[in-house]
Amino acid sequence: NMPPKGDPTKPVTVVLRVVGGVSGNPASIAPKVGPLGLSPKKIADDVAKATKDWPGIKVPVKLVVLNRQATIEIVPSAAALVVRALNEPKVDVPKGTPIFHK
């Protein structure tokens, strides 16, 4: 027996943590947005567009879904704001390599 489908006129809030500016893996969002009748691929691309001001920083994103339309809202955590304020350069180093800050 399947659970009842949600009421499309009632807003549903989904919170995700994504790396800014990167189109995440749609498979990781699918279980959250699939039952709401949304395309995970489209949501992943929209989130990437919305977070392009936060390149490489993990930011919490709030999706408010109403009538199968998702509104994306960035809710920066304290950690994300600190990392952004420090203006650390984006570094691609293998994991386990120590980074010495100036």
N, C-alpha and C. Protein backbone atom coordinates (compact mmCIF):
# COMPACT_ATOMS: atom_id res chain seq x y z
N ASN A 1 0.85 -1.19 0.00
CA ASN A 1 0.00 0.00 0.00
C ASN A 1 0.88 1.25 0.00
N MET A 2 0.62 2.16 -0.92
CA MET A 2 1.44 3.37 -1.02
C MET A 2 0.88 4.45 -0.10
N PRO A 3 1.78 5.27 0.48
CA PRO A 3 1.28 6.38 1.30
C PRO A 3 0.55 7.39 0.42
N PRO A 4 -0.37 8.16 0.98
CA PRO A 4 -1.11 9.12 0.16
C PRO A 4 -0.18 10.20 -0.41
N LYS A 5 -0.50 10.64 -1.61
CA LYS A 5 0.29 11.70 -2.24
C LYS A 5 0.07 13.00 -1.48
N GLY A 6 1.12 13.84 -1.41
CA GLY A 6 1.01 15.11 -0.70
C GLY A 6 0.08 16.07 -1.43
N ASP A 7 -0.49 17.01 -0.70
CA ASP A 7 -1.36 18.02 -1.28
C ASP A 7 -0.50 19.04 -2.03
N PRO A 8 -0.67 19.19 -3.37
CA PRO A 8 0.21 20.09 -4.13
C PRO A 8 0.05 21.57 -3.78
N THR A 9 -1.07 21.92 -3.13
CA THR A 9 -1.27 23.33 -2.80
C THR A 9 -0.65 23.68 -1.45
N LYS A 10 -0.15 22.67 -0.73
CA LYS A 10 0.47 22.92 0.57
C LYS A 10 1.98 23.04 0.37
N PRO A 11 2.62 24.14 0.83
CA PRO A 11 4.07 24.27 0.62
C PRO A 11 4.85 23.23 1.44
N VAL A 12 5.86 22.64 0.80
CA VAL A 12 6.72 21.65 1.45
C VAL A 12 8.13 22.21 1.44
N THR A 13 8.82 22.13 2.58
CA THR A 13 10.18 22.66 2.66
C THR A 13 11.18 21.51 2.70
N VAL A 14 12.19 21.58 1.84
CA VAL A 14 13.25 20.58 1.81
C VAL A 14 14.56 21.32 1.99
N VAL A 15 15.40 20.88 2.95
CA VAL A 15 16.67 21.55 3.18
C VAL A 15 17.81 20.63 2.74
N LEU A 16 18.71 21.15 1.92
CA LEU A 16 19.85 20.37 1.42
C LEU A 16 21.13 21.13 1.72
N ARG A 17 22.25 20.40 1.85
CA ARG A 17 23.55 21.07 1.95
C ARG A 17 24.30 20.75 0.68
N VAL A 18 24.65 21.80 -0.06
CA VAL A 18 25.31 21.60 -1.35
C VAL A 18 26.60 22.39 -1.42
N VAL A 19 27.49 21.97 -2.32
CA VAL A 19 28.71 22.74 -2.58
C VAL A 19 28.33 23.81 -3.58
N GLY A 20 28.60 25.06 -3.25
CA GLY A 20 28.19 26.19 -4.07
C GLY A 20 28.72 26.14 -5.48
N GLY A 21 27.87 26.48 -6.44
CA GLY A 21 28.27 26.59 -7.84
C GLY A 21 28.47 25.28 -8.56
N VAL A 22 28.28 24.15 -7.86
CA VAL A 22 28.48 22.83 -8.49
C VAL A 22 27.13 22.16 -8.64
N SER A 23 26.85 21.64 -9.83
CA SER A 23 25.63 20.89 -10.03
C SER A 23 25.81 19.54 -9.34
N GLY A 24 25.13 19.33 -8.24
CA GLY A 24 25.30 18.12 -7.45
C GLY A 24 24.76 16.89 -8.15
N ASN A 25 24.93 15.75 -7.50
CA ASN A 25 24.47 14.49 -8.05
C ASN A 25 22.94 14.42 -7.92
N PRO A 26 22.22 14.36 -9.05
CA PRO A 26 20.75 14.30 -8.97
C PRO A 26 20.25 13.10 -8.18
N ALA A 27 21.03 12.01 -8.17
CA ALA A 27 20.59 10.80 -7.45
C ALA A 27 20.50 11.05 -5.95
N SER A 28 21.31 11.98 -5.43
CA SER A 28 21.27 12.25 -3.99
C SER A 28 20.07 13.11 -3.61
N ILE A 29 19.52 13.85 -4.58
CA ILE A 29 18.36 14.71 -4.29
C ILE A 29 17.05 13.98 -4.62
N ALA A 30 17.14 12.97 -5.48
CA ALA A 30 15.94 12.28 -5.98
C ALA A 30 14.98 11.80 -4.89
N PRO A 31 15.48 11.13 -3.82
CA PRO A 31 14.53 10.64 -2.81
C PRO A 31 13.77 11.77 -2.11
N LYS A 32 14.37 12.98 -2.08
CA LYS A 32 13.71 14.09 -1.40
C LYS A 32 12.71 14.80 -2.30
N VAL A 33 13.07 15.03 -3.59
CA VAL A 33 12.19 15.81 -4.46
C VAL A 33 11.34 14.96 -5.40
N GLY A 34 11.73 13.72 -5.61
CA GLY A 34 10.97 12.83 -6.50
C GLY A 34 9.51 12.68 -6.12
N PRO A 35 9.23 12.35 -4.84
CA PRO A 35 7.83 12.19 -4.43
C PRO A 35 7.00 13.47 -4.55
N LEU A 36 7.69 14.62 -4.65
CA LEU A 36 6.96 15.89 -4.78
C LEU A 36 6.67 16.21 -6.24
N GLY A 37 7.06 15.30 -7.14
CA GLY A 37 6.78 15.47 -8.56
C GLY A 37 7.74 16.41 -9.26
N LEU A 38 8.98 16.50 -8.75
CA LEU A 38 9.97 17.39 -9.35
C LEU A 38 11.08 16.58 -10.00
N SER A 39 11.74 17.18 -10.99
CA SER A 39 12.85 16.52 -11.66
C SER A 39 14.14 16.79 -10.88
N PRO A 40 14.79 15.75 -10.35
CA PRO A 40 16.03 15.95 -9.58
C PRO A 40 17.12 16.65 -10.39
N LYS A 41 17.22 16.33 -11.69
CA LYS A 41 18.24 16.93 -12.55
C LYS A 41 18.02 18.44 -12.65
N LYS A 42 16.77 18.85 -12.85
CA LYS A 42 16.46 20.27 -12.98
C LYS A 42 16.74 21.00 -11.66
N ILE A 43 16.36 20.39 -10.55
CA ILE A 43 16.60 21.00 -9.24
C ILE A 43 18.10 21.15 -9.00
N ALA A 44 18.89 20.12 -9.34
CA ALA A 44 20.35 20.17 -9.15
C ALA A 44 20.94 21.33 -9.94
N ASP A 45 20.47 21.52 -11.19
CA ASP A 45 20.98 22.61 -12.02
C ASP A 45 20.55 23.98 -11.47
N ASP A 46 19.29 24.08 -11.01
CA ASP A 46 18.80 25.34 -10.46
C ASP A 46 19.56 25.72 -9.20
N VAL A 47 19.85 24.72 -8.35
CA VAL A 47 20.59 24.97 -7.11
C VAL A 47 22.00 25.44 -7.45
N ALA A 48 22.62 24.83 -8.46
CA ALA A 48 23.97 25.23 -8.87
C ALA A 48 23.96 26.69 -9.34
N LYS A 49 22.92 27.07 -10.09
CA LYS A 49 22.82 28.46 -10.56
C LYS A 49 22.65 29.42 -9.37
N ALA A 50 21.79 29.02 -8.43
CA ALA A 50 21.50 29.90 -7.29
C ALA A 50 22.70 30.06 -6.36
N THR A 51 23.59 29.05 -6.31
CA THR A 51 24.72 29.10 -5.37
C THR A 51 26.02 29.50 -6.03
N LYS A 52 25.95 30.06 -7.25
CA LYS A 52 27.21 30.36 -7.95
C LYS A 52 28.04 31.45 -7.26
N ASP A 53 27.43 32.22 -6.34
CA ASP A 53 28.17 33.22 -5.58
C ASP A 53 28.97 32.59 -4.44
N TRP A 54 28.78 31.29 -4.20
CA TRP A 54 29.45 30.59 -3.11
C TRP A 54 30.33 29.48 -3.67
N PRO A 55 31.29 29.77 -4.54
CA PRO A 55 32.03 28.69 -5.20
C PRO A 55 32.84 27.84 -4.22
N GLY A 56 32.61 26.53 -4.28
CA GLY A 56 33.38 25.58 -3.49
C GLY A 56 33.08 25.58 -2.00
N ILE A 57 32.08 26.34 -1.54
CA ILE A 57 31.74 26.38 -0.12
C ILE A 57 30.45 25.61 0.09
N LYS A 58 30.40 24.77 1.14
CA LYS A 58 29.17 24.04 1.42
C LYS A 58 28.16 24.97 2.06
N VAL A 59 27.03 25.16 1.39
CA VAL A 59 25.98 26.03 1.93
C VAL A 59 24.65 25.28 2.02
N PRO A 60 23.91 25.52 3.12
CA PRO A 60 22.57 24.94 3.21
C PRO A 60 21.63 25.69 2.27
N VAL A 61 20.79 24.94 1.56
CA VAL A 61 19.83 25.52 0.63
C VAL A 61 18.44 25.03 1.00
N LYS A 62 17.48 25.97 1.03
CA LYS A 62 16.11 25.62 1.38
C LYS A 62 15.27 25.65 0.11
N LEU A 63 14.61 24.54 -0.19
CA LEU A 63 13.70 24.49 -1.34
C LEU A 63 12.28 24.54 -0.79
N VAL A 64 11.51 25.52 -1.24
CA VAL A 64 10.10 25.56 -0.86
C VAL A 64 9.31 25.15 -2.09
N VAL A 65 8.64 24.00 -2.00
CA VAL A 65 7.93 23.45 -3.15
C VAL A 65 6.43 23.71 -2.99
N LEU A 66 5.87 24.40 -3.99
CA LEU A 66 4.44 24.71 -3.99
C LEU A 66 3.93 24.52 -5.41
N ASN A 67 2.88 23.74 -5.58
CA ASN A 67 2.32 23.45 -6.91
C ASN A 67 3.38 22.97 -7.89
N ARG A 68 4.24 22.09 -7.44
CA ARG A 68 5.32 21.50 -8.25
C ARG A 68 6.30 22.55 -8.77
N GLN A 69 6.40 23.70 -8.09
CA GLN A 69 7.38 24.72 -8.43
C GLN A 69 8.29 24.89 -7.21
N ALA A 70 9.60 24.81 -7.42
CA ALA A 70 10.54 24.95 -6.30
C ALA A 70 11.11 26.35 -6.28
N THR A 71 11.07 26.97 -5.09
CA THR A 71 11.72 28.26 -4.90
C THR A 71 12.98 27.99 -4.10
N ILE A 72 14.13 28.45 -4.59
CA ILE A 72 15.40 28.15 -3.94
C ILE A 72 15.84 29.34 -3.11
N GLU A 73 16.19 29.05 -1.85
CA GLU A 73 16.60 30.09 -0.92
C GLU A 73 17.90 29.64 -0.27
N ILE A 74 18.94 30.47 -0.31
CA ILE A 74 20.21 30.09 0.32
C ILE A 74 20.17 30.56 1.77
N VAL A 75 20.46 29.62 2.69
CA VAL A 75 20.47 29.94 4.12
C VAL A 75 21.90 29.73 4.59
N PRO A 76 22.79 30.72 4.43
CA PRO A 76 24.20 30.48 4.76
C PRO A 76 24.40 30.17 6.23
N SER A 77 25.15 29.12 6.51
CA SER A 77 25.47 28.76 7.89
C SER A 77 26.60 29.67 8.36
N ALA A 78 26.84 29.69 9.66
CA ALA A 78 27.92 30.52 10.21
C ALA A 78 29.25 30.09 9.58
N ALA A 79 29.45 28.78 9.44
CA ALA A 79 30.71 28.27 8.87
C ALA A 79 30.90 28.77 7.45
N ALA A 80 29.83 28.74 6.65
CA ALA A 80 29.92 29.19 5.26
C ALA A 80 30.27 30.67 5.20
N LEU A 81 29.66 31.46 6.10
CA LEU A 81 29.93 32.90 6.13
C LEU A 81 31.37 33.18 6.53
N VAL A 82 31.89 32.41 7.50
CA VAL A 82 33.28 32.58 7.95
C VAL A 82 34.24 32.25 6.82
N VAL A 83 34.02 31.11 6.15
CA VAL A 83 34.90 30.71 5.05
C VAL A 83 34.87 31.76 3.95
N ARG A 84 33.68 32.29 3.67
CA ARG A 84 33.56 33.30 2.62
C ARG A 84 34.28 34.59 3.03
N ALA A 85 34.15 34.98 4.31
CA ALA A 85 34.76 36.22 4.79
C ALA A 85 36.28 36.12 4.80
N LEU A 86 36.80 34.92 5.07
CA LEU A 86 38.25 34.72 5.09
C LEU A 86 38.83 34.83 3.68
N ASN A 87 37.94 34.63 2.69
CA ASN A 87 38.36 34.74 1.30
C ASN A 87 39.52 33.81 0.98
N GLU A 88 39.45 32.59 1.48
CA GLU A 88 40.51 31.60 1.21
C GLU A 88 40.53 31.29 -0.27
N PRO A 89 41.71 31.17 -0.85
CA PRO A 89 41.75 30.79 -2.27
C PRO A 89 41.28 29.35 -2.45
N LYS A 90 40.64 29.09 -3.57
CA LYS A 90 40.16 27.72 -3.85
C LYS A 90 41.37 26.87 -4.18
N VAL A 91 41.57 25.78 -3.43
CA VAL A 91 42.74 24.93 -3.63
C VAL A 91 42.29 23.52 -3.96
N ASP A 92 42.85 22.96 -5.01
CA ASP A 92 42.57 21.57 -5.34
C ASP A 92 43.78 20.74 -4.97
N VAL A 93 43.81 20.22 -3.74
CA VAL A 93 44.93 19.39 -3.31
C VAL A 93 44.37 18.03 -2.92
N PRO A 94 45.18 17.00 -3.06
CA PRO A 94 44.71 15.67 -2.65
C PRO A 94 44.36 15.67 -1.17
N LYS A 95 43.36 14.87 -0.78
CA LYS A 95 42.96 14.77 0.62
C LYS A 95 44.14 14.29 1.43
N GLY A 96 44.27 14.80 2.64
CA GLY A 96 45.35 14.37 3.51
C GLY A 96 46.58 15.26 3.41
N THR A 97 46.62 16.16 2.42
CA THR A 97 47.75 17.09 2.29
C THR A 97 47.48 18.26 3.23
N PRO A 98 48.39 18.55 4.15
CA PRO A 98 48.14 19.67 5.05
C PRO A 98 48.22 21.01 4.33
N ILE A 99 47.30 21.92 4.66
CA ILE A 99 47.32 23.26 4.07
C ILE A 99 47.74 24.23 5.16
N PHE A 100 48.79 24.99 4.93
CA PHE A 100 49.25 25.96 5.90
C PHE A 100 48.70 27.32 5.55
N HIS A 101 47.92 27.89 6.48
CA HIS A 101 47.30 29.20 6.24
C HIS A 101 48.25 30.30 6.64
N LYS A 102 48.19 31.41 5.93
CA LYS A 102 49.07 32.54 6.23
C LYS A 102 48.48 33.37 7.34
